[in-house]
Every structure is written in structure tokens, then in C-alpha cells.
């Protein structure tokens, strides 16, 4: 599951809304909404999160938190280490390779360490909605 999926399911069940009823109200299939809750789909679009907030009747801080959770809930993330140190590349690769074997307590410890580091500035790639660290270098066209 993703942080967004866990919170969405929690909000939906707290309000006593059946999965199928919410899916119908959002204009999506129950299978899609279930997959979103269980982290088997990519992160939802901004428009979908807005629609979910409206359906759940949440505003302000709670809506902002759901938006934040959606941003950090892509289940198949790609880490671009181009231009970073060899150690950063090794870290990304080892994490991808071994994350399924990490015990929950170690996952939490690693998460705490990473959250303690301020996020760097990001920039958008031309013609894309994808954000990359401002220190990342664009590869020249072949």
C-alpha cells in the first residue's frame, strides 16, 4: 500500500462509504479505486485527488495532506542519480534491490534519516510535468 492509499481507505471507511459507491461517484471503476488504495496503480492525478476531496467533503489542511500523500505515493518510482556521487548511485540501487527485505523498524529508521534532510530545489523538464532536482543534468540528445 502507499501512504495515499492507506489514508484514502481510512477516510472512506470512517465515512461509511462503500468502495463501489465512491468509485461510481468519481466516475471510475471499483477495481481502479481498489488498486489505488492498495498501491497497484500509479499515483492519482491532481484532478482525481480534488474529486476525492470533494467526495469525502474534506478541505484545507486535510485536503493539503491528501495532496501531499498523493505526491509521495508513486508505487514504482525511478531515481535519477545522473550527476550525483557513486555512493548516491549505490544507495539508490541497493535500496531498490533490497527494500522488500528490510524489516519495518529499519525502514522507519531510514525514512527518519531521509526526512531529516531538507529537500533541494526542483525544476520542471521542458515539455513535461516531471520534476527533477535542480542539480540533475539533462542528457544530450543522441
Protein backbone atom coordinates (compact mmCIF):
# COMPACT_ATOMS: atom_id res chain seq x y z
CA UNK A 1 0.00 0.00 0.00
CA UNK A 2 1.02 3.60 -0.44
CA UNK A 3 0.65 6.43 2.11
CA UNK A 4 -2.10 7.90 -0.10
CA UNK A 5 -3.90 4.57 -0.42
CA UNK A 6 -3.84 3.94 3.32
CA UNK A 7 -5.25 7.40 4.07
CA UNK A 8 -7.87 7.23 1.31
CA UNK A 9 -9.14 3.89 2.56
CA UNK A 10 -9.18 5.20 6.14
CA UNK A 11 -11.15 8.34 5.18
CA UNK A 12 -13.59 6.35 3.05
CA UNK A 13 -14.30 3.72 5.73
CA UNK A 14 -14.57 6.35 8.50
CA UNK A 15 -17.37 7.95 6.49
CA UNK A 16 -19.06 4.61 5.83
CA UNK A 17 -18.74 4.93 2.05
CA UNK A 18 -18.61 1.64 0.15
CA UNK A 19 -15.82 1.30 -2.38
CA UNK A 20 -18.28 0.79 -5.25
CA UNK A 21 -20.35 3.83 -4.25
CA UNK A 22 -17.30 6.08 -4.12
CA UNK A 23 -15.99 4.71 -7.42
CA UNK A 24 -19.37 5.39 -9.07
CA UNK A 25 -19.42 8.95 -7.68
CA UNK A 26 -15.89 9.54 -9.02
CA UNK A 27 -16.68 8.03 -12.42
CA UNK A 28 -14.07 5.27 -12.11
CA UNK A 29 -14.34 1.52 -11.71
CA UNK A 30 -14.33 -0.11 -8.30
CA UNK A 31 -11.31 -2.11 -9.50
CA UNK A 32 -9.38 1.11 -10.22
CA UNK A 33 -10.24 2.64 -6.84
CA UNK A 34 -9.30 -0.59 -5.05
CA UNK A 35 -5.99 -0.70 -6.95
CA UNK A 36 -5.36 2.94 -6.00
CA UNK A 37 -5.98 2.16 -2.34
CA UNK A 38 -3.70 -0.89 -2.45
CA UNK A 39 -0.83 0.78 -4.32
CA UNK A 40 -1.22 -1.22 -7.52
CA UNK A 41 -1.82 1.90 -9.64
CA UNK A 42 0.36 4.95 -10.17
CA UNK A 43 -0.27 8.00 -8.09
CA UNK A 44 -3.56 9.75 -8.85
CA UNK A 45 -3.78 12.90 -10.93
CA UNK A 46 -4.31 16.25 -9.25
CA UNK A 47 -7.85 16.32 -10.67
CA UNK A 48 -8.59 12.90 -9.18
CA UNK A 49 -7.36 13.99 -5.74
CA UNK A 50 -9.52 17.13 -5.96
CA UNK A 51 -12.53 14.97 -6.87
CA UNK A 52 -11.77 12.60 -3.98
CA UNK A 53 -11.53 15.54 -1.56
CA UNK A 54 -14.89 16.83 -2.80
CA UNK A 55 -16.47 13.38 -2.48
CA UNK A 56 -15.12 12.99 1.07
CA UNK A 57 -16.04 16.59 1.89
CA UNK A 58 -12.57 17.47 3.13
CA UNK A 59 -10.98 20.89 2.82
CA UNK A 60 -7.97 22.94 3.88
CA UNK A 61 -5.34 21.13 5.92
CA UNK A 62 -6.83 17.68 5.44
CA UNK A 63 -7.06 18.21 1.66
CA UNK A 64 -3.50 19.56 1.57
CA UNK A 65 -2.30 16.48 3.44
CA UNK A 66 -4.08 14.17 0.99
CA UNK A 67 -2.42 16.07 -1.90
CA UNK A 68 0.98 15.68 -0.21
CA UNK A 69 0.42 11.97 0.30
CA UNK A 70 -0.52 11.59 -3.37
CA UNK A 71 2.74 13.29 -4.42
CA UNK A 72 4.85 10.84 -2.37
CA UNK A 73 2.88 7.71 -3.25
CA UNK A 74 4.11 6.59 -6.63
CA UNK A 75 4.49 2.81 -6.20
CA UNK A 76 7.10 2.43 -8.97
CA UNK A 77 9.49 5.31 -8.56
CA UNK A 78 12.53 5.98 -10.75
CA UNK A 79 15.55 7.58 -9.10
CA UNK A 80 17.80 9.62 -11.40
CA UNK A 81 21.31 9.67 -9.95
CA UNK A 82 22.98 11.18 -13.02
CA UNK A 83 25.50 13.76 -11.83
CA UNK A 84 25.45 12.51 -8.24
CA UNK A 85 28.22 10.69 -6.40
CA UNK A 86 28.94 6.99 -6.89
CA UNK A 87 27.78 6.47 -3.31
CA UNK A 88 24.38 8.04 -4.10
CA UNK A 89 24.01 5.74 -7.11
CA UNK A 90 24.94 2.73 -4.99
CA UNK A 91 22.45 3.77 -2.32
CA UNK A 92 19.62 4.07 -4.87
CA UNK A 93 20.43 0.71 -6.42
CA UNK A 94 20.79 -1.14 -3.13
CA UNK A 95 17.57 0.36 -1.82
CA UNK A 96 15.72 -0.73 -4.98
CA UNK A 97 17.23 -4.20 -4.73
CA UNK A 98 16.68 -4.80 -1.02
CA UNK A 99 13.71 -2.71 0.12
CA UNK A 100 11.36 -5.71 0.17
CA UNK A 101 13.67 -7.47 2.65
CA UNK A 102 14.01 -4.57 5.10
CA UNK A 103 12.29 -5.15 8.43
CA UNK A 104 9.72 -2.43 9.27
CA UNK A 105 11.86 -0.97 12.07
CA UNK A 106 14.81 -0.43 9.71
CA UNK A 107 12.53 1.03 7.03
CA UNK A 108 11.29 3.52 9.63
CA UNK A 109 14.85 4.40 10.69
CA UNK A 110 15.93 5.03 7.09
CA UNK A 111 12.78 7.09 6.50
CA UNK A 112 13.53 9.23 9.56
CA UNK A 113 17.08 9.89 8.33
CA UNK A 114 15.91 10.89 4.86
CA UNK A 115 13.09 13.08 6.20
CA UNK A 116 15.61 14.94 8.38
CA UNK A 117 17.43 16.20 5.25
CA UNK A 118 15.82 19.30 3.68
CA UNK A 119 14.56 18.77 0.14
CA UNK A 120 16.57 20.54 -2.52
CA UNK A 121 15.04 22.84 -5.13
CA UNK A 122 13.38 21.16 -8.12
CA UNK A 123 12.75 22.23 -11.67
CA UNK A 124 10.42 21.03 -14.40
CA UNK A 125 11.80 19.40 -17.51
CA UNK A 126 10.77 21.28 -20.64
CA UNK A 127 7.52 19.90 -22.06
CA UNK A 128 6.95 17.67 -19.05
CA UNK A 129 5.16 17.70 -15.74
CA UNK A 130 8.07 15.69 -14.28
CA UNK A 131 10.08 17.48 -11.62
CA UNK A 132 13.78 16.78 -11.20
CA UNK A 133 16.35 18.08 -8.72
CA UNK A 134 17.87 21.31 -9.95
CA UNK A 135 21.28 19.66 -9.67
CA UNK A 136 20.35 16.92 -12.15
CA UNK A 137 21.86 17.25 -15.58
CA UNK A 138 19.91 16.71 -18.76
CA UNK A 139 21.45 14.17 -21.04
CA UNK A 140 22.28 15.44 -24.52
CA UNK A 141 20.09 14.15 -27.35
CA UNK A 142 21.70 11.28 -29.30
